[in-house]
PDB file of N, CA and C in Angstrom:
ATOM      1  N   MET A   1      88.241 103.192 123.431  1.00  0.00           N
ATOM      2  CA  MET A   1      89.822 103.070 124.087  1.00  0.00           C
ATOM      3  C   MET A   1      90.427 101.281 124.040  1.00  0.00           C
ATOM      4  N   THR A   2      91.172 101.664 122.674  1.00  0.00           N
ATOM      5  CA  THR A   2      91.098 100.902 122.219  1.00  0.00           C
ATOM      6  C   THR A   2      91.916  99.837 123.496  1.00  0.00           C
ATOM      7  N   ASN A   3      93.340 100.786 123.585  1.00  0.00           N
ATOM      8  CA  ASN A   3      94.135  99.583 124.158  1.00  0.00           C
ATOM      9  C   ASN A   3      94.548 100.546 125.251  1.00  0.00           C
ATOM     10  N   GLY A   4      94.260  99.747 126.338  1.00  0.00           N
ATOM     11  CA  GLY A   4      94.705 100.273 127.676  1.00  0.00           C
ATOM     12  C   GLY A   4      92.917 100.403 128.905  1.00  0.00           C
ATOM     13  N   LEU A   5      93.639 101.119 130.169  1.00  0.00           N
ATOM     14  CA  LEU A   5      92.409 100.679 130.707  1.00  0.00           C
ATOM     15  C   LEU A   5      92.629 101.638 131.798  1.00  0.00           C
ATOM     16  N   ALA A   6      91.060 102.146 132.128  1.00  0.00           N
ATOM     17  CA  ALA A   6      90.329 103.354 132.720  1.00  0.00           C
ATOM     18  C   ALA A   6      89.555 103.463 134.139  1.00  0.00           C
ATOM     19  N   CYS A   7      89.613 104.002 135.582  1.00  0.00           N
ATOM     20  CA  CYS A   7      89.429 103.920 136.097  1.00  0.00           C
ATOM     21  C   CYS A   7      88.082 104.405 135.838  1.00  0.00           C
ATOM     22  N   SER A   8      88.087 105.825 134.715  1.00  0.00           N
ATOM     23  CA  SER A   8      86.773 106.627 134.676  1.00  0.00           C
ATOM     24  C   SER A   8      87.192 107.433 133.734  1.00  0.00           C
ATOM     25  N   ALA A   9      86.489 108.403 133.378  1.00  0.00           N
ATOM     26  CA  ALA A   9      86.834 109.678 132.173  1.00  0.00           C
ATOM     27  C   ALA A   9      87.356 110.214 132.737  1.00  0.00           C
ATOM     28  N   VAL A  10      88.537 110.437 133.826  1.00  0.00           N
ATOM     29  CA  VAL A  10      88.891 111.498 134.404  1.00  0.00           C
ATOM     30  C   VAL A  10      90.194 111.308 133.997  1.00  0.00           C
ATOM     31  N   CYS A  11      90.315 109.825 134.134  1.00  0.00           N
ATOM     32  CA  CYS A  11      91.571 109.436 133.424  1.00  0.00           C
ATOM     33  C   CYS A  11      92.178 108.253 132.186  1.00  0.00           C
ATOM     34  N   ARG A  12      90.523 108.647 131.706  1.00  0.00           N
ATOM     35  CA  ARG A  12      91.010 107.836 130.209  1.00  0.00           C
ATOM     36  C   ARG A  12      91.683 108.635 129.292  1.00  0.00           C
ATOM     37  N   PRO A  13      92.120 109.905 129.576  1.00  0.00           N
ATOM     38  CA  PRO A  13      93.087 110.359 128.609  1.00  0.00           C
ATOM     39  C   PRO A  13      94.682 110.499 128.646  1.00  0.00           C
ATOM     40  N   VAL A  14      94.678 109.845 130.216  1.00  0.00           N
ATOM     41  CA  VAL A  14      96.179 109.143 131.080  1.00  0.00           C
ATOM     42  C   VAL A  14      96.276 107.865 130.252  1.00  0.00           C
ATOM     43  N   ALA A  15      95.614 107.138 130.528  1.00  0.00           N
ATOM     44  CA  ALA A  15      95.565 105.842 130.034  1.00  0.00           C
ATOM     45  C   ALA A  15      95.802 105.844 128.601  1.00  0.00           C
ATOM     46  N   GLU A  16      94.725 106.443 128.162  1.00  0.00           N
ATOM     47  CA  GLU A  16      95.575 106.640 126.553  1.00  0.00           C
ATOM     48  C   GLU A  16      96.373 106.959 126.232  1.00  0.00           C
ATOM     49  N   ASP A  17      97.353 107.777 126.662  1.00  0.00           N
ATOM     50  CA  ASP A  17      98.685 108.637 126.313  1.00  0.00           C
ATOM     51  C   ASP A  17     100.026 107.072 126.966  1.00  0.00           C
ATOM     52  N   ILE A  18      99.338 106.207 128.193  1.00  0.00           N
ATOM     53  CA  ILE A  18     100.409 105.554 128.911  1.00  0.00           C
ATOM     54  C   ILE A  18     100.017 104.296 127.864  1.00  0.00           C
ATOM     55  N   ALA A  19      99.368 103.748 127.556  1.00  0.00           N
ATOM     56  CA  ALA A  19      98.989 102.943 126.096  1.00  0.00           C
ATOM     57  C   ALA A  19      99.861 102.881 124.844  1.00  0.00           C
ATOM     58  N   GLN A  20      99.650 104.360 124.661  1.00  0.00           N
ATOM     59  CA  GLN A  20     100.594 104.762 123.203  1.00  0.00           C
ATOM     60  C   GLN A  20     101.643 104.974 122.862  1.00  0.00           C
ATOM     61  N   LEU A  21     102.371 105.207 124.374  1.00  0.00           N
ATOM     62  CA  LEU A  21     104.110 104.743 124.236  1.00  0.00           C
ATOM     63  C   LEU A  21     104.015 103.236 125.263  1.00  0.00           C
ATOM     64  N   GLN A  22     103.260 103.055 125.112  1.00  0.00           N
ATOM     65  CA  GLN A  22     103.654 101.771 125.502  1.00  0.00           C
ATOM     66  C   GLN A  22     103.709 100.671 124.369  1.00  0.00           C
ATOM     67  N   LEU A  23     102.911 101.047 123.939  1.00  0.00           N
ATOM     68  CA  LEU A  23     103.236 100.583 122.080  1.00  0.00           C
ATOM     69  C   LEU A  23     104.356 100.972 121.359  1.00  0.00           C
ATOM     70  N   VAL A  24     104.573 102.589 121.161  1.00  0.00           N
ATOM     71  CA  VAL A  24     105.716 102.958 120.318  1.00  0.00           C
ATOM     72  C   VAL A  24     106.568 102.289 121.442  1.00  0.00           C
ATOM     73  N   THR A  25     107.475 102.059 122.788  1.00  0.00           N
ATOM     74  CA  THR A  25     108.490 101.163 122.483  1.00  0.00           C
ATOM     75  C   THR A  25     108.851  99.761 122.662  1.00  0.00           C
ATOM     76  N   LEU A  26     107.114  99.708 122.155  1.00  0.00           N
ATOM     77  CA  LEU A  26     107.351  97.532 121.940  1.00  0.00           C
ATOM     78  C   LEU A  26     107.602  97.866 120.354  1.00  0.00           C
ATOM     79  N   ARG A  27     107.503  98.516 118.921  1.00  0.00           N
ATOM     80  CA  ARG A  27     107.825  98.965 117.975  1.00  0.00           C
ATOM     81  C   ARG A  27     109.334  99.401 117.527  1.00  0.00           C
ATOM     82  N   ASN A  28     109.401 100.023 119.029  1.00  0.00           N
ATOM     83  CA  ASN A  28     110.811 100.833 118.848  1.00  0.00           C
ATOM     84  C   ASN A  28     112.177  99.598 119.223  1.00  0.00           C
ATOM     85  N   GLN A  29     111.333  98.441 119.909  1.00  0.00           N
ATOM     86  CA  GLN A  29     112.445  97.276 120.294  1.00  0.00           C
ATOM     87  C   GLN A  29     113.155  96.577 118.827  1.00  0.00           C
ATOM     88  N   GLY A  30     112.610  96.444 118.279  1.00  0.00           N
ATOM     89  CA  GLY A  30     113.477  96.597 116.870  1.00  0.00           C
ATOM     90  C   GLY A  30     114.752  97.183 116.339  1.00  0.00           C
ATOM     91  N   ILE A  31     114.546  98.182 116.726  1.00  0.00           N
ATOM     92  CA  ILE A  31     115.395  99.067 115.679  1.00  0.00           C
ATOM     93  C   ILE A  31     116.638  98.785 117.004  1.00  0.00           C
ATOM     94  N   TYR A  32     116.583  98.792 118.278  1.00  0.00           N
ATOM     95  CA  TYR A  32     117.630  98.810 118.851  1.00  0.00           C
ATOM     96  C   TYR A  32     118.226  97.402 118.801  1.00  0.00           C
ATOM     97  N   ARG A  33     117.445  96.208 118.296  1.00  0.00           N
ATOM     98  CA  ARG A  33     118.176  95.432 118.100  1.00  0.00           C
ATOM     99  C   ARG A  33     118.597  95.036 116.897  1.00  0.00           C
ATOM    100  N   SER A  34     118.612  95.828 115.782  1.00  0.00           N
ATOM    101  CA  SER A  34     119.121  96.140 114.584  1.00  0.00           C
ATOM    102  C   SER A  34     120.309  96.992 114.325  1.00  0.00           C
ATOM    103  N   GLN A  35     119.931  97.599 115.654  1.00  0.00           N
ATOM    104  CA  GLN A  35     121.551  98.388 115.552  1.00  0.00           C
ATOM    105  C   GLN A  35     122.819  97.312 116.266  1.00  0.00           C
ATOM    106  N   ARG A  36     122.244  96.795 117.396  1.00  0.00           N
ATOM    107  CA  ARG A  36     123.257  95.742 118.415  1.00  0.00           C
ATOM    108  C   ARG A  36     124.343  95.288 117.007  1.00  0.00           C
ATOM    109  N   LEU A  37     123.611  95.317 116.143  1.00  0.00           N
ATOM    110  CA  LEU A  37     124.303  94.346 114.840  1.00  0.00           C
ATOM    111  C   LEU A  37     124.655  95.131 113.802  1.00  0.00           C
ATOM    112  N   ILE A  38     124.054  95.890 113.710  1.00  0.00           N
ATOM    113  CA  ILE A  38     124.908  96.428 112.190  1.00  0.00           C
ATOM    114  C   ILE A  38     125.495  97.745 112.685  1.00  0.00           C
ATOM    115  N   GLN A  39     126.100  98.701 113.610  1.00  0.00           N
ATOM    116  CA  GLN A  39     126.687  98.553 114.190  1.00  0.00           C
ATOM    117  C   GLN A  39     128.170  98.653 114.193  1.00  0.00           C
ATOM    118  N   PRO A  40     128.514  97.049 114.902  1.00  0.00           N
ATOM    119  CA  PRO A  40     129.673  96.628 114.380  1.00  0.00           C
ATOM    120  C   PRO A  40     130.608  96.006 113.179  1.00  0.00           C
ATOM    121  N   ALA A  41     128.949  96.032 112.435  1.00  0.00           N
ATOM    122  CA  ALA A  41     129.615  95.403 111.220  1.00  0.00           C
ATOM    123  C   ALA A  41     129.789  96.789 110.460  1.00  0.00           C
ATOM    124  N   MET A  42     129.452  97.749 110.736  1.00  0.00           N
ATOM    125  CA  MET A  42     129.834  99.374 110.200  1.00  0.00           C
ATOM    126  C   MET A  42     131.182  99.925 110.679  1.00  0.00           C
ATOM    127  N   ALA A  43     131.270  99.211 110.969  1.00  0.00           N
ATOM    128  CA  ALA A  43     132.471  99.705 112.448  1.00  0.00           C
ATOM    129  C   ALA A  43     134.074  98.513 111.876  1.00  0.00           C
ATOM    130  N   VAL A  44     133.695  97.138 111.346  1.00  0.00           N
ATOM    131  CA  VAL A  44     134.575  96.783 110.573  1.00  0.00           C
ATOM    132  C   VAL A  44     134.471  96.822 109.286  1.00  0.00           C
ATOM    133  N   LEU A  45     133.991  97.204 108.721  1.00  0.00           N
ATOM    134  CA  LEU A  45     133.690  97.855 107.252  1.00  0.00           C
ATOM    135  C   LEU A  45     134.445  99.264 107.328  1.00  0.00           C
ATOM    136  N   PHE A  46     134.460 100.247 107.743  1.00  0.00           N
ATOM    137  CA  PHE A  46     134.851 101.346 108.047  1.00  0.00           C
ATOM    138  C   PHE A  46     136.420 101.041 108.096  1.00  0.00           C
ATOM    139  N   VAL A  47     136.796 100.405 109.452  1.00  0.00           N
ATOM    140  CA  VAL A  47     138.824  99.693 109.381  1.00  0.00           C
ATOM    141  C   VAL A  47     139.002  98.810 108.761  1.00  0.00           C
ATOM    142  N   VAL A  48     138.345  98.250 108.131  1.00  0.00           N
ATOM    143  CA  VAL A  48     138.976  97.582 106.041  1.00  0.00           C
ATOM    144  C   VAL A  48     139.144  98.537 105.201  1.00  0.00           C
ATOM    145  N   THR A  49     137.987  98.619 105.334  1.00  0.00           N
ATOM    146  CA  THR A  49     137.939 100.053 104.028  1.00  0.00           C
ATOM    147  C   THR A  49     139.202 100.848 103.678  1.00  0.00           C
ATOM    148  N   GLY A  50     138.899 102.154 105.355  1.00  0.00           N
ATOM    149  CA  GLY A  50     139.974 102.559 105.837  1.00  0.00           C
ATOM    150  C   GLY A  50     141.833 102.087 105.640  1.00  0.00           C
ATOM    151  N   ALA A  51     142.070 100.786 106.307  1.00  0.00           N
ATOM    152  CA  ALA A  51     143.042 100.488 106.199  1.00  0.00           C
ATOM    153  C   ALA A  51     143.652 100.205 104.485  1.00  0.00           C
ATOM    154  N   SER A  52     142.361  99.122 103.753  1.00  0.00           N
ATOM    155  CA  SER A  52     142.904  99.146 102.622  1.00  0.00           C
ATOM    156  C   SER A  52     143.408 100.330 101.975  1.00  0.00           C
ATOM    157  N   MET A  53     142.403 101.808 102.210  1.00  0.00           N
ATOM    158  CA  MET A  53     143.120 102.180 101.178  1.00  0.00           C
ATOM    159  C   MET A  53     144.432 103.240 101.925  1.00  0.00           C
ATOM    160  N   VAL A  54     144.742 103.045 103.434  1.00  0.00           N
ATOM    161  CA  VAL A  54     146.205 103.389 103.502  1.00  0.00           C
ATOM    162  C   VAL A  54     146.956 102.831 102.944  1.00  0.00           C
ATOM    163  N   TYR A  55     147.061 101.338 102.654  1.00  0.00           N
ATOM    164  CA  TYR A  55     148.023 100.372 102.107  1.00  0.00           C
ATOM    165  C   TYR A  55     147.698 100.878 100.504  1.00  0.00           C
ATOM    166  N   SER A  56     146.909 101.020  99.768  1.00  0.00           N
ATOM    167  CA  SER A  56     147.089 100.719  98.618  1.00  0.00           C
ATOM    168  C   SER A  56     147.325 102.318  98.377  1.00  0.00           C
ATOM    169  N   TYR A  57     146.987 103.572  98.625  1.00  0.00           N
ATOM    170  CA  TYR A  57     146.790 104.714  98.469  1.00  0.00           C
ATOM    171  C   TYR A  57     147.449 105.594  99.595  1.00  0.00           C
ATOM    172  N   PRO A  58     148.790 105.951 100.001  1.00  0.00           N
ATOM    173  CA  PRO A  58     149.548 106.331 101.360  1.00  0.00           C
ATOM    174  C   PRO A  58     149.285 107.624 101.171  1.00  0.00           C
ATOM    175  N   SER A  59     149.416 108.470 100.274  1.00  0.00           N
ATOM    176  CA  SER A  59     149.426 109.745 100.170  1.00  0.00           C
ATOM    177  C   SER A  59     148.274 109.960 100.133  1.00  0.00           C
ATOM    178  N   TRP A  60     147.489 109.524 100.035  1.00  0.00           N
ATOM    179  CA  TRP A  60     145.719 109.738 100.137  1.00  0.00           C
ATOM    180  C   TRP A  60     144.827 110.264 101.983  1.00  0.00           C
ATOM    181  N   SER A  61     144.879 111.208 102.435  1.00  0.00           N
ATOM    182  CA  SER A  61     144.128 111.367 103.751  1.00  0.00           C
ATOM    183  C   SER A  61     142.446 110.433 103.894  1.00  0.00           C
ATOM    184  N   LEU A  62     142.071 110.238 103.100  1.00  0.00           N
ATOM    185  CA  LEU A  62     140.708 109.830 102.903  1.00  0.00           C
ATOM    186  C   LEU A  62     140.828 108.342 103.537  1.00  0.00           C
ATOM    187  N   GLY A  63     141.722 107.464 103.360  1.00  0.00           N
ATOM    188  CA  GLY A  63     141.692 106.336 104.110  1.00  0.00           C
ATOM    189  C   GLY A  63     141.868 106.346 105.688  1.00  0.00           C
ATOM    190  N   TRP A  64     142.847 107.218 105.824  1.00  0.00           N
ATOM    191  CA  TRP A  64     142.598 107.674 107.745  1.00  0.00           C
ATOM    192  C   TRP A  64     141.478 107.725 108.100  1.00  0.00           C
ATOM    193  N   ILE A  65     140.857 108.668 107.029  1.00  0.00           N
ATOM    194  CA  ILE A  65     139.464 108.965 108.240  1.00  0.00           C
ATOM    195  C   ILE A  65     138.562 108.435 108.069  1.00  0.00           C
ATOM    196  N   PHE A  66     138.676 106.807 106.693  1.00  0.00           N
ATOM    197  CA  PHE A  66     137.704 105.976 107.618  1.00  0.00           C
ATOM    198  C   PHE A  66     138.030 105.292 108.457  1.00  0.00           C
ATOM    199  N   THR A  67     139.773 104.941 108.420  1.00  0.00           N
ATOM    200  CA  THR A  67     139.550 104.081 109.785  1.00  0.00           C
ATOM    201  C   THR A  67     139.864 104.641 110.454  1.00  0.00           C
ATOM    202  N   ALA A  68     139.468 105.552 111.279  1.00  0.00           N
ATOM    203  CA  ALA A  68     139.015 107.007 112.885  1.00  0.00           C
ATOM    204  C   ALA A  68     137.403 106.092 111.853  1.00  0.00           C
ATOM    205  N   ALA A  69     136.834 106.473 111.641  1.00  0.00           N
ATOM    206  CA  ALA A  69     135.157 106.079 111.540  1.00  0.00           C
ATOM    207  C   ALA A  69     135.092 105.706 112.268  1.00  0.00           C
ATOM    208  N   GLY A  70     135.774 104.194 111.726  1.00  0.00           N
ATOM    209  CA  GLY A  70     135.493 103.051 112.247  1.00  0.00           C
ATOM    210  C   GLY A  70     135.421 102.260 113.597  1.00  0.00           C
ATOM    211  N   VAL A  71     136.705 103.330 113.900  1.00  0.00           N
ATOM    212  CA  VAL A  71     137.305 103.224 115.240  1.00  0.00           C
ATOM    213  C   VAL A  71     136.923 103.448 116.145  1.00  0.00           C
ATOM    214  N   VAL A  72     136.151 105.120 115.642  1.00  0.00           N
ATOM    215  CA  VAL A  72     134.719 105.506 116.301  1.00  0.00           C
ATOM    216  C   VAL A  72     133.622 105.067 116.617  1.00  0.00           C
ATOM    217  N   THR A  73     133.145 105.072 116.025  1.00  0.00           N
ATOM    218  CA  THR A  73     132.177 103.714 115.419  1.00  0.00           C
ATOM    219  C   THR A  73     132.575 102.748 116.740  1.00  0.00           C
ATOM    220  N   GLY A  74     133.041 101.543 116.347  1.00  0.00           N
ATOM    221  CA  GLY A  74     133.390 100.615 117.414  1.00  0.00           C
ATOM    222  C   GLY A  74     133.533 100.970 118.743  1.00  0.00           C
ATOM    223  N   LEU A  75     134.090 102.047 119.082  1.00  0.00           N
ATOM    224  CA  LEU A  75     134.013 101.890 120.196  1.00  0.00           C
ATOM    225  C   LEU A  75     132.766 102.855 120.660  1.00  0.00           C
ATOM    226  N   ALA A  76     132.238 103.813 120.033  1.00  0.00           N
ATOM    227  CA  ALA A  76     130.734 103.926 120.173  1.00  0.00           C
ATOM    228  C   ALA A  76     129.423 102.519 121.042  1.00  0.00           C
ATOM    229  N   GLN A  77     130.139 102.307 120.403  1.00  0.00           N
ATOM    230  CA  GLN A  77     129.047 100.645 120.456  1.00  0.00           C
ATOM    231  C   GLN A  77     129.610 100.110 121.453  1.00  0.00           C
ATOM    232  N   VAL A  78     130.451  99.801 121.525  1.00  0.00           N
ATOM    233  CA  VAL A  78     131.560  99.691 123.547  1.00  0.00           C
ATOM    234  C   VAL A  78     130.922 100.164 124.488  1.00  0.00           C
ATOM    235  N   VAL A  79     130.470 101.596 124.083  1.00  0.00           N
ATOM    236  CA  VAL A  79     130.240 102.567 125.213  1.00  0.00           C
ATOM    237  C   VAL A  79     128.301 102.142 125.467  1.00  0.00           C
ATOM    238  N   SER A  80     128.479 102.649 124.677  1.00  0.00           N
ATOM    239  CA  SER A  80     126.849 101.992 124.619  1.00  0.00           C
ATOM    240  C   SER A  80     125.975 100.253 125.288  1.00  0.00           C
ATOM    241  N   SER A  81     126.917  99.340 124.402  1.00  0.00           N
ATOM    242  CA  SER A  81     126.535  98.463 125.111  1.00  0.00           C
ATOM    243  C   SER A  81     126.874  97.840 126.347  1.00  0.00           C
ATOM    244  N   ARG A  82     127.583  98.582 127.170  1.00  0.00           N
ATOM    245  CA  ARG A  82     128.169  98.972 128.635  1.00  0.00           C
ATOM    246  C   ARG A  82     127.221  99.460 129.181  1.00  0.00           C
ATOM    247  N   ARG A  83     127.104 100.313 129.020  1.00  0.00           N
ATOM    248  CA  ARG A  83     125.423 101.285 129.300  1.00  0.00           C
ATOM    249  C   ARG A  83     124.352 100.337 129.258  1.00  0.00           C
ATOM    250  N   ARG A  84     123.781  99.885 128.388  1.00  0.00           N
ATOM    251  CA  ARG A  84     123.090  99.285 128.893  1.00  0.00           C
ATOM    252  C   ARG A  84     123.287  98.191 129.660  1.00  0.00           C
ATOM    253  N   ARG A  85     123.527  97.720 130.226  1.00  0.00           N
ATOM    254  CA  ARG A  85     124.018  96.542 130.549  1.00  0.00           C
ATOM    255  C   ARG A  85     124.094  97.009 132.345  1.00  0.00           C
ATOM    256  N   THR A  86     124.992  98.335 132.600  1.00  0.00           N
ATOM    257  CA  THR A  86     124.542  98.521 134.186  1.00  0.00           C
ATOM    258  C   THR A  86     123.141  98.947 134.586  1.00  0.00           C
ATOM    259  N   ALA A  87     122.260  99.560 133.124  1.00  0.00           N
ATOM    260  CA  ALA A  87     120.880 100.359 133.277  1.00  0.00           C
ATOM    261  C   ALA A  87     119.782  99.269 133.465  1.00  0.00           C
TER     262      ALA A  87
END
């Protein structure tokens, strides 16, 4: 066993699984940190792009779709960050 400590050979598979889970969790922390920065940036980008498209090409519905995607992404970020604080 490279990562973990077991009291006996019987407990060894469980200790190895727990150690592996801990390593995966530590590796995934960077993903969650970057998500906190990328998701709000995407929301702003979508809203700005959508608003500029609505202003420049009022007959296109694509601008409203981009704007709505930005609002939904921003709301998802707000809900997600509030859940993390309460957990």
